[in-house]
Amino acid sequence: MIRYFDWTWLILIPGILFSLYAQSKINKNYSVYSRVPCKSGISGSEAARRIMQTNGISDVSIEHVGGELSDHYDPRSKTVRLSDGVFDAASVASVAIAAHEIGHVIQHQQGYFPLKFRNAIVPLTSLTSRMAWPIFIIGIILASFNFGYAGIIMDIGIVCYAIALIFYVITLPVEFNASSRAIAQLTECGIITEGEREGAKKVLGAAAMTYVASTLATFLSLFRMIAIRGRR
């Protein structure tokens, strides 16, 4: 017989459902447009180099990295790493993803504030995101023993998670801006045609949804912590 049901788990359901939807959306769009050849015949790595050359960027290297959709820009080493399906592939999806990463490069070069702020808080948010739930659970355990400072310990866990949420929130404008820059650069550099533009936007739009899903999931987890704290 179930004597106790933790209803706070229900808070997470919208985030879980949206995350599943976002993941299916990016998988579908990537699968479709990775099979649509780019009429210019330019691969992802070539598109990245052309955009950087057009913008006068010569101090960033491009490397091949394994995996699928593992593409990223490392500002510390000034390296763009493109995945198996992007580096050599000449598809609408590959050039869109490569251009998105160069969008981050251009942000870095121009001192785009949201990117600078996000990079600056990475060490802090990485630490607080790992510490939040362990600290919070310790507070719950101590509360069961009527420890006087259990509530304060739980509050510290909540604050740690709130700091981690800031990273996800600031990531949204960074990613949306990089995608906008990518579409503009692909068009201006003659890498995609007007007809291919819509496909590129769909790929990057679906990718952006995964960041929205992560932000929502983190927010709901924080809300759940607050709900649990309120019961105690």
Protein backbone atom coordinates (compact mmCIF):
# COMPACT_ATOMS: atom_id res chain seq x y z
CA MET A 1 0.00 0.00 0.00
CA ILE A 2 1.38 3.43 -0.93
CA ARG A 3 1.23 5.62 2.15
CA TYR A 4 3.02 8.65 0.76
CA PHE A 5 3.22 10.22 -2.66
CA ASP A 6 5.66 13.01 -3.44
CA TRP A 7 3.49 15.26 -5.63
CA THR A 8 6.41 17.56 -6.36
CA TRP A 9 7.56 15.13 -9.08
CA LEU A 10 4.56 16.32 -11.08
CA ILE A 11 6.22 19.75 -11.40
CA LEU A 12 8.86 18.21 -13.66
CA ILE A 13 6.43 16.68 -16.17
CA PRO A 14 6.08 19.74 -18.48
CA GLY A 15 9.86 20.00 -18.69
CA ILE A 16 10.26 16.31 -19.47
CA LEU A 17 7.60 16.40 -22.19
CA PHE A 18 9.02 19.56 -23.77
CA SER A 19 12.55 18.12 -23.69
CA LEU A 20 11.35 14.99 -25.50
CA TYR A 21 9.57 17.14 -28.08
CA ALA A 22 12.61 19.38 -28.61
CA GLN A 23 14.91 16.39 -29.01
CA SER A 24 12.59 14.75 -31.53
CA LYS A 25 12.38 18.04 -33.43
CA ILE A 26 16.14 18.47 -33.77
CA ASN A 27 16.58 14.80 -34.69
CA LYS A 28 13.90 15.05 -37.38
CA ASN A 29 15.14 18.31 -38.92
CA TYR A 30 18.78 17.25 -38.81
CA SER A 31 17.91 13.91 -40.40
CA VAL A 32 15.90 15.59 -43.18
CA TYR A 33 18.25 18.44 -44.05
CA SER A 34 21.46 16.46 -43.67
CA ARG A 35 20.23 14.60 -46.76
CA VAL A 36 19.51 17.79 -48.72
CA PRO A 37 22.66 18.73 -50.70
CA CYS A 38 23.78 22.33 -50.54
CA LYS A 39 23.68 23.65 -54.11
CA SER A 40 26.94 25.53 -53.62
CA GLY A 41 28.67 22.19 -52.93
CA ILE A 42 30.40 23.70 -49.91
CA SER A 43 31.02 21.49 -46.88
CA GLY A 44 30.53 22.55 -43.28
CA SER A 45 34.23 23.15 -42.70
CA GLU A 46 34.54 25.10 -45.94
CA ALA A 47 31.54 27.23 -45.01
CA ALA A 48 33.11 27.95 -41.64
CA ARG A 49 36.38 29.04 -43.25
CA ARG A 50 34.62 31.21 -45.83
CA ILE A 51 32.58 33.04 -43.20
CA MET A 52 35.64 33.64 -41.03
CA GLN A 53 37.62 34.89 -44.01
CA THR A 54 34.79 37.25 -44.97
CA ASN A 55 34.79 38.64 -41.42
CA GLY A 56 38.58 38.96 -41.23
CA ILE A 57 39.05 36.22 -38.65
CA SER A 58 42.32 34.31 -39.01
CA ASP A 59 43.22 33.24 -35.47
CA VAL A 60 40.60 30.50 -35.04
CA SER A 61 41.28 26.88 -36.05
CA ILE A 62 38.75 24.33 -37.27
CA GLU A 63 39.01 20.72 -36.13
CA HIS A 64 37.12 17.50 -36.77
CA VAL A 65 35.53 15.91 -33.70
CA GLY A 66 33.73 12.58 -33.44
CA GLY A 67 30.08 12.06 -32.62
CA GLU A 68 26.80 13.48 -33.86
CA LEU A 69 25.77 17.08 -33.16
CA SER A 70 28.84 17.47 -30.94
CA ASP A 71 29.79 20.71 -32.71
CA HIS A 72 31.01 23.55 -30.50
CA TYR A 73 33.29 26.56 -30.24
CA ASP A 74 35.97 26.58 -27.55
CA PRO A 75 36.80 30.24 -26.80
CA ARG A 76 39.75 29.30 -24.59
CA SER A 77 41.70 27.64 -27.40
CA LYS A 78 39.91 29.56 -30.16
CA THR A 79 38.92 26.32 -31.86
CA VAL A 80 35.75 25.36 -33.71
CA ARG A 81 35.12 21.62 -33.58
CA LEU A 82 32.76 20.15 -36.16
CA SER A 83 31.23 16.68 -35.93
CA ASP A 84 31.31 13.79 -38.41
CA GLY A 85 28.12 14.82 -40.19
CA VAL A 86 29.13 18.46 -40.49
CA PHE A 87 32.86 18.73 -41.17
CA ASP A 88 33.02 17.17 -44.66
CA ALA A 89 29.31 17.05 -45.52
CA ALA A 90 27.91 19.52 -48.06
CA SER A 91 24.31 19.61 -46.87
CA VAL A 92 21.95 22.35 -45.77
CA ALA A 93 22.14 21.05 -42.21
CA SER A 94 25.95 20.86 -42.13
CA VAL A 95 26.55 24.42 -43.35
CA ALA A 96 23.85 25.77 -41.01
CA ILE A 97 25.42 24.12 -37.97
CA ALA A 98 28.94 25.16 -38.98
CA ALA A 99 27.79 28.74 -39.52
CA HIS A 100 26.13 28.73 -36.09
CA GLU A 101 29.46 27.89 -34.45
CA ILE A 102 31.14 30.67 -36.42
CA GLY A 103 28.37 32.90 -35.13
CA HIS A 104 29.85 32.27 -31.68
CA VAL A 105 33.30 33.09 -33.03
CA ILE A 106 32.04 36.43 -34.32
CA GLN A 107 30.34 37.08 -30.98
CA HIS A 108 33.66 36.42 -29.25
CA GLN A 109 35.55 38.67 -31.64
CA GLN A 110 33.08 41.53 -31.19
CA GLY A 111 32.88 41.20 -27.42
CA TYR A 112 29.19 40.27 -27.39
CA PHE A 113 28.27 40.87 -23.73
CA PRO A 114 25.92 37.89 -23.10
CA LEU A 115 28.66 35.53 -24.37
CA LYS A 116 31.32 37.22 -22.22
CA PHE A 117 29.06 37.01 -19.19
CA ARG A 118 28.22 33.36 -19.82
CA ASN A 119 31.87 32.41 -20.24
CA ALA A 120 32.78 34.31 -17.08
CA ILE A 121 30.28 32.44 -14.88
CA VAL A 122 30.97 28.95 -16.26
CA PRO A 123 33.32 27.95 -13.37
CA LEU A 124 30.85 29.20 -10.76
CA THR A 125 27.75 27.63 -12.31
CA SER A 126 29.58 24.36 -12.93
CA LEU A 127 30.38 24.19 -9.22
CA THR A 128 26.98 25.29 -7.92
CA SER A 129 25.04 22.97 -10.24
CA ARG A 130 26.96 19.98 -8.84
CA MET A 131 26.62 21.13 -5.23
CA ALA A 132 22.96 22.20 -5.23
CA TRP A 133 21.10 18.91 -4.85
CA PRO A 134 23.62 17.22 -2.49
CA ILE A 135 23.44 20.25 -0.17
CA PHE A 136 19.65 20.35 -0.43
CA ILE A 137 19.30 16.63 0.34
CA ILE A 138 21.60 16.99 3.35
CA GLY A 139 19.26 19.72 4.56
CA ILE A 140 16.24 17.42 4.12
CA ILE A 141 17.96 14.64 6.09
CA LEU A 142 18.93 17.01 8.88
CA ALA A 143 15.38 18.40 8.96
CA SER A 144 14.08 14.89 9.68
CA PHE A 145 16.22 14.98 12.84
CA ASN A 146 14.90 18.46 13.72
CA PHE A 147 18.34 20.00 13.27
CA GLY A 148 18.04 23.73 13.85
CA TYR A 149 19.94 24.89 10.78
CA ALA A 150 18.47 22.38 8.33
CA GLY A 151 16.34 25.06 6.69
CA ILE A 152 19.34 27.29 6.09
CA ILE A 153 21.24 24.41 4.51
CA MET A 154 18.29 23.71 2.20
CA ASP A 155 18.19 27.41 1.30
CA ILE A 156 21.88 27.29 0.38
CA GLY A 157 21.11 24.41 -1.99
CA ILE A 158 18.30 26.44 -3.56
CA VAL A 159 20.56 29.47 -4.03
CA CYS A 160 23.21 27.26 -5.66
CA TYR A 161 20.64 25.93 -8.12
CA ALA A 162 19.33 29.44 -8.81
CA ILE A 163 22.85 30.49 -9.77
CA ALA A 164 23.04 27.53 -12.15
CA LEU A 165 19.73 28.63 -13.69
CA ILE A 166 21.30 32.00 -14.56
CA PHE A 167 23.68 30.18 -16.91
CA TYR A 168 20.82 28.58 -18.81
CA VAL A 169 18.88 31.84 -19.02
CA ILE A 170 21.87 33.80 -20.41
CA THR A 171 22.54 30.97 -22.86
CA LEU A 172 19.27 31.65 -24.69
CA PRO A 173 20.16 35.06 -26.20
CA VAL A 174 23.66 33.77 -26.97
CA GLU A 175 22.32 30.84 -28.98
CA PHE A 176 19.51 32.73 -30.72
CA ASN A 177 21.90 35.51 -31.69
CA ALA A 178 24.45 33.01 -33.06
CA SER A 179 21.73 31.43 -35.20
CA SER A 180 20.63 34.82 -36.55
CA ARG A 181 24.21 35.65 -37.43
CA ALA A 182 24.59 32.22 -39.08
CA ILE A 183 21.61 32.67 -41.42
CA ALA A 184 22.77 36.17 -42.38
CA GLN A 185 26.33 35.03 -43.06
CA LEU A 186 25.26 32.00 -45.08
CA THR A 187 23.20 34.25 -47.32
CA GLU A 188 25.73 37.07 -47.63
CA CYS A 189 28.58 34.69 -48.39
CA GLY A 190 26.58 32.90 -51.09
CA ILE A 191 26.74 29.55 -49.31
CA ILE A 192 23.00 28.89 -49.45
CA THR A 193 20.31 29.98 -51.86
CA GLU A 194 17.08 31.70 -50.85
CA GLY A 195 15.30 28.36 -51.23
CA GLU A 196 17.74 26.65 -48.83
CA ARG A 197 17.42 29.42 -46.26
CA GLU A 198 14.18 28.01 -44.82
CA GLY A 199 15.75 24.59 -44.28
CA ALA A 200 18.75 26.12 -42.51
CA LYS A 201 16.41 28.13 -40.27
CA LYS A 202 14.46 24.99 -39.38
CA VAL A 203 17.62 23.15 -38.35
CA LEU A 204 18.88 26.00 -36.18
CA GLY A 205 15.41 26.73 -34.81
CA ALA A 206 15.04 23.13 -33.68
CA ALA A 207 18.51 23.23 -32.10
CA ALA A 208 17.53 26.39 -30.21
CA MET A 209 14.52 24.59 -28.77
CA THR A 210 16.83 22.18 -26.95
CA TYR A 211 18.31 25.14 -25.06
CA VAL A 212 14.82 26.37 -24.20
CA ALA A 213 13.99 22.87 -22.95
CA SER A 214 17.11 22.78 -20.74
CA THR A 215 16.22 26.17 -19.28
CA LEU A 216 12.65 25.11 -18.59
CA ALA A 217 13.76 21.84 -16.98
CA THR A 218 16.20 23.68 -14.73
CA PHE A 219 13.57 26.25 -13.75
CA LEU A 220 11.05 23.53 -12.89
CA SER A 221 13.65 21.66 -10.83
CA LEU A 222 14.32 24.86 -8.90
CA PHE A 223 10.57 25.37 -8.40
CA ARG A 224 10.34 21.79 -7.10
CA MET A 225 13.13 22.46 -4.59
CA ILE A 226 11.24 25.53 -3.37
CA ALA A 227 8.03 23.49 -3.07
CA ILE A 228 9.80 20.82 -1.02
CA ARG A 229 11.36 23.50 1.16
CA GLY A 230 7.93 25.03 1.73
CA ARG A 231 6.61 21.77 3.14
CA ARG A 232 9.33 21.77 5.78
